[in-house]
Amino acid sequence: MGGAHILVVRNIAFIFIIPVVVFTACTNRHVNLTDIEFRWPNDMYLKSTQKLYSGKILGYRDGTKQLYYSACVKNGKLDGPRIRLYSNGKTFMRTEFKNGRRHGPEEWWHKNGNKWGRWEFNNGEAIEGSYELWEENGEVVFDWLADEYD
């Protein structure tokens, strides 16, 4: 029971701490997701100036004040954390980016706040042997960590 309690406490802390960290991790400048134009391959421009955007992007549900998306952008590319939230306000996913590429952990959660999946990326490529998946009840579904199979 002790291990399960620690897992629950860690997940709860993650749910509440991540949005606070992400929403303050970028510059103080921010725009709404609807103010951004996406161009191939992954550049983001501010529609009003047609210049590459740097700052925070926030997305709100259907014109409301309910936040569902936050991302840090530097010189038109994702750089730092990108977070998506469920309608209940809990974190759905969090991905770290560096110069437009996934770099570091990508984590997903079930609506109840329990972790759903986690894997690592290095310069846009998934790191082999870094995958973990969980059921909604917290039970491990798939756990492939390279250290265990080397």
Protein backbone atom coordinates (compact mmCIF):
# COMPACT_ATOMS: atom_id res chain seq x y z
CA MET A 1 0.00 0.00 0.00
CA GLY A 2 2.89 2.36 0.75
CA GLY A 3 4.14 2.26 -2.85
CA ALA A 4 0.66 2.87 -4.24
CA HIS A 5 0.22 5.81 -1.89
CA ILE A 6 3.48 7.35 -3.09
CA LEU A 7 2.42 6.88 -6.72
CA VAL A 8 -0.93 8.59 -6.09
CA VAL A 9 0.71 11.48 -4.22
CA ARG A 10 3.28 11.91 -6.99
CA ASN A 11 0.55 11.92 -9.68
CA ILE A 12 -1.51 14.46 -7.74
CA ALA A 13 1.52 16.71 -7.30
CA PHE A 14 2.27 16.40 -11.03
CA ILE A 15 -1.28 17.34 -12.00
CA PHE A 16 -1.21 20.55 -10.01
CA ILE A 17 2.44 21.54 -10.30
CA ILE A 18 2.97 21.03 -14.04
CA PRO A 19 0.42 23.61 -15.21
CA VAL A 20 1.86 26.19 -12.79
CA VAL A 21 5.41 25.53 -13.98
CA VAL A 22 4.50 25.49 -17.67
CA PHE A 23 2.39 28.57 -17.60
CA THR A 24 5.25 30.50 -15.99
CA ALA A 25 8.21 28.81 -17.75
CA CYS A 26 8.15 30.87 -20.98
CA THR A 27 8.42 34.58 -21.40
CA ASN A 28 5.70 36.80 -20.00
CA ARG A 29 4.54 37.46 -23.56
CA HIS A 30 1.62 35.27 -24.62
CA VAL A 31 -0.97 35.06 -27.37
CA ASN A 32 -4.04 32.97 -28.02
CA LEU A 33 -3.64 29.84 -30.14
CA THR A 34 -6.06 31.38 -32.67
CA ASP A 35 -3.53 34.21 -33.26
CA ILE A 36 -0.92 31.76 -34.57
CA GLU A 37 -0.50 30.57 -38.15
CA PHE A 38 1.19 27.19 -38.58
CA ARG A 39 3.40 26.68 -41.63
CA TRP A 40 5.16 23.57 -42.88
CA PRO A 41 7.23 21.93 -41.52
CA ASN A 42 6.64 23.26 -38.01
CA ASP A 43 7.04 27.03 -37.95
CA MET A 44 4.63 29.28 -36.08
CA TYR A 45 3.94 32.83 -37.17
CA LEU A 46 1.99 35.56 -35.44
CA LYS A 47 -0.88 36.28 -37.86
CA SER A 48 -0.91 40.03 -37.19
CA THR A 49 2.77 40.57 -38.07
CA GLN A 50 3.56 37.51 -40.23
CA LYS A 51 6.79 37.13 -38.23
CA LEU A 52 8.09 34.04 -36.45
CA TYR A 53 6.63 34.01 -32.96
CA SER A 54 8.51 33.75 -29.65
CA GLY A 55 6.64 33.48 -26.36
CA LYS A 56 3.84 31.50 -24.82
CA ILE A 57 0.78 30.23 -26.72
CA LEU A 58 -2.41 29.60 -24.77
CA GLY A 59 -5.50 27.84 -26.10
CA TYR A 60 -8.98 28.18 -24.61
CA ARG A 61 -12.01 25.92 -25.11
CA ASP A 62 -14.69 27.28 -27.44
CA GLY A 63 -14.08 30.94 -26.67
CA THR A 64 -14.27 30.41 -22.90
CA LYS A 65 -11.62 31.14 -20.30
CA GLN A 66 -11.06 27.40 -19.76
CA LEU A 67 -7.44 26.71 -20.68
CA TYR A 68 -6.72 23.50 -22.61
CA TYR A 69 -3.37 24.17 -24.30
CA SER A 70 -0.10 25.87 -23.43
CA ALA A 71 3.19 25.86 -25.29
CA CYS A 72 6.49 27.68 -25.28
CA VAL A 73 7.78 28.88 -28.64
CA LYS A 74 11.16 30.33 -29.60
CA ASN A 75 11.82 31.71 -33.09
CA GLY A 76 8.71 30.01 -34.44
CA LYS A 77 9.48 26.55 -33.04
CA LEU A 78 8.22 24.71 -29.98
CA ASP A 79 10.92 25.08 -27.34
CA GLY A 80 10.16 23.98 -23.80
CA PRO A 81 7.03 22.36 -22.43
CA ARG A 82 3.79 21.86 -24.36
CA ILE A 83 0.80 20.87 -22.24
CA ARG A 84 -2.74 19.84 -23.11
CA LEU A 85 -5.46 19.67 -20.47
CA TYR A 86 -8.69 17.70 -20.18
CA SER A 87 -11.95 19.62 -19.79
CA ASN A 88 -11.78 18.77 -16.06
CA GLY A 89 -8.55 20.79 -15.84
CA LYS A 90 -6.27 17.79 -15.29
CA THR A 91 -3.20 17.31 -17.44
CA PHE A 92 -3.75 15.13 -20.53
CA MET A 93 -0.21 15.30 -21.93
CA ARG A 94 3.09 17.06 -21.44
CA THR A 95 5.90 17.03 -23.99
CA GLU A 96 9.29 18.72 -23.84
CA PHE A 97 10.59 20.32 -27.04
CA LYS A 98 13.92 21.74 -28.14
CA ASN A 99 14.08 23.75 -31.36
CA GLY A 100 10.84 22.25 -32.68
CA ARG A 101 11.66 18.63 -31.89
CA ARG A 102 10.54 16.42 -29.03
CA HIS A 103 13.45 16.26 -26.63
CA GLY A 104 13.12 14.72 -23.19
CA PRO A 105 10.08 13.09 -21.63
CA GLU A 106 6.62 12.88 -23.13
CA GLU A 107 3.97 11.90 -20.60
CA TRP A 108 0.24 11.20 -20.84
CA TRP A 109 -2.42 10.88 -18.12
CA HIS A 110 -5.88 9.34 -17.87
CA LYS A 111 -8.78 11.67 -17.01
CA ASN A 112 -8.67 10.44 -13.40
CA GLY A 113 -5.12 11.78 -13.06
CA ASN A 114 -3.31 8.43 -13.16
CA LYS A 115 -0.40 8.24 -15.56
CA TRP A 116 -1.19 6.61 -18.91
CA GLY A 117 2.17 6.57 -20.69
CA ARG A 118 5.72 7.83 -20.69
CA TRP A 119 8.59 7.68 -23.16
CA GLU A 120 11.75 9.64 -23.84
CA PHE A 121 12.89 11.48 -26.96
CA ASN A 122 16.27 12.74 -28.08
CA ASN A 123 16.30 15.36 -30.82
CA GLY A 124 12.95 14.20 -32.22
CA GLU A 125 13.67 10.46 -32.10
CA ALA A 126 12.08 8.09 -29.59
CA ILE A 127 14.71 6.47 -27.39
CA GLU A 128 14.40 2.73 -27.76
CA GLY A 129 13.62 0.98 -24.51
CA SER A 130 12.06 3.92 -22.70
CA TYR A 131 8.35 3.05 -22.94
CA GLU A 132 5.95 2.65 -20.05
CA LEU A 133 2.13 2.31 -20.19
CA TRP A 134 -0.44 2.12 -17.39
CA GLU A 135 -4.13 1.18 -17.11
CA GLU A 136 -6.53 3.79 -15.77
CA ASN A 137 -6.42 2.03 -12.38
CA GLY A 138 -2.61 2.46 -12.23
CA GLU A 139 -1.74 -1.12 -13.16
CA VAL A 140 1.31 -1.44 -15.43
CA VAL A 141 0.35 -2.57 -18.95
CA PHE A 142 3.73 -2.35 -20.64
CA ASP A 143 7.12 -1.53 -19.19
CA TRP A 144 10.13 -1.66 -21.47
CA LEU A 145 13.11 0.03 -19.93
CA ALA A 146 16.42 -0.57 -21.70
CA ASP A 147 18.32 -1.31 -18.47
CA GLU A 148 16.12 -4.32 -17.79
CA TYR A 149 16.77 -5.94 -21.17
CA ASP A 150 20.46 -5.24 -21.77
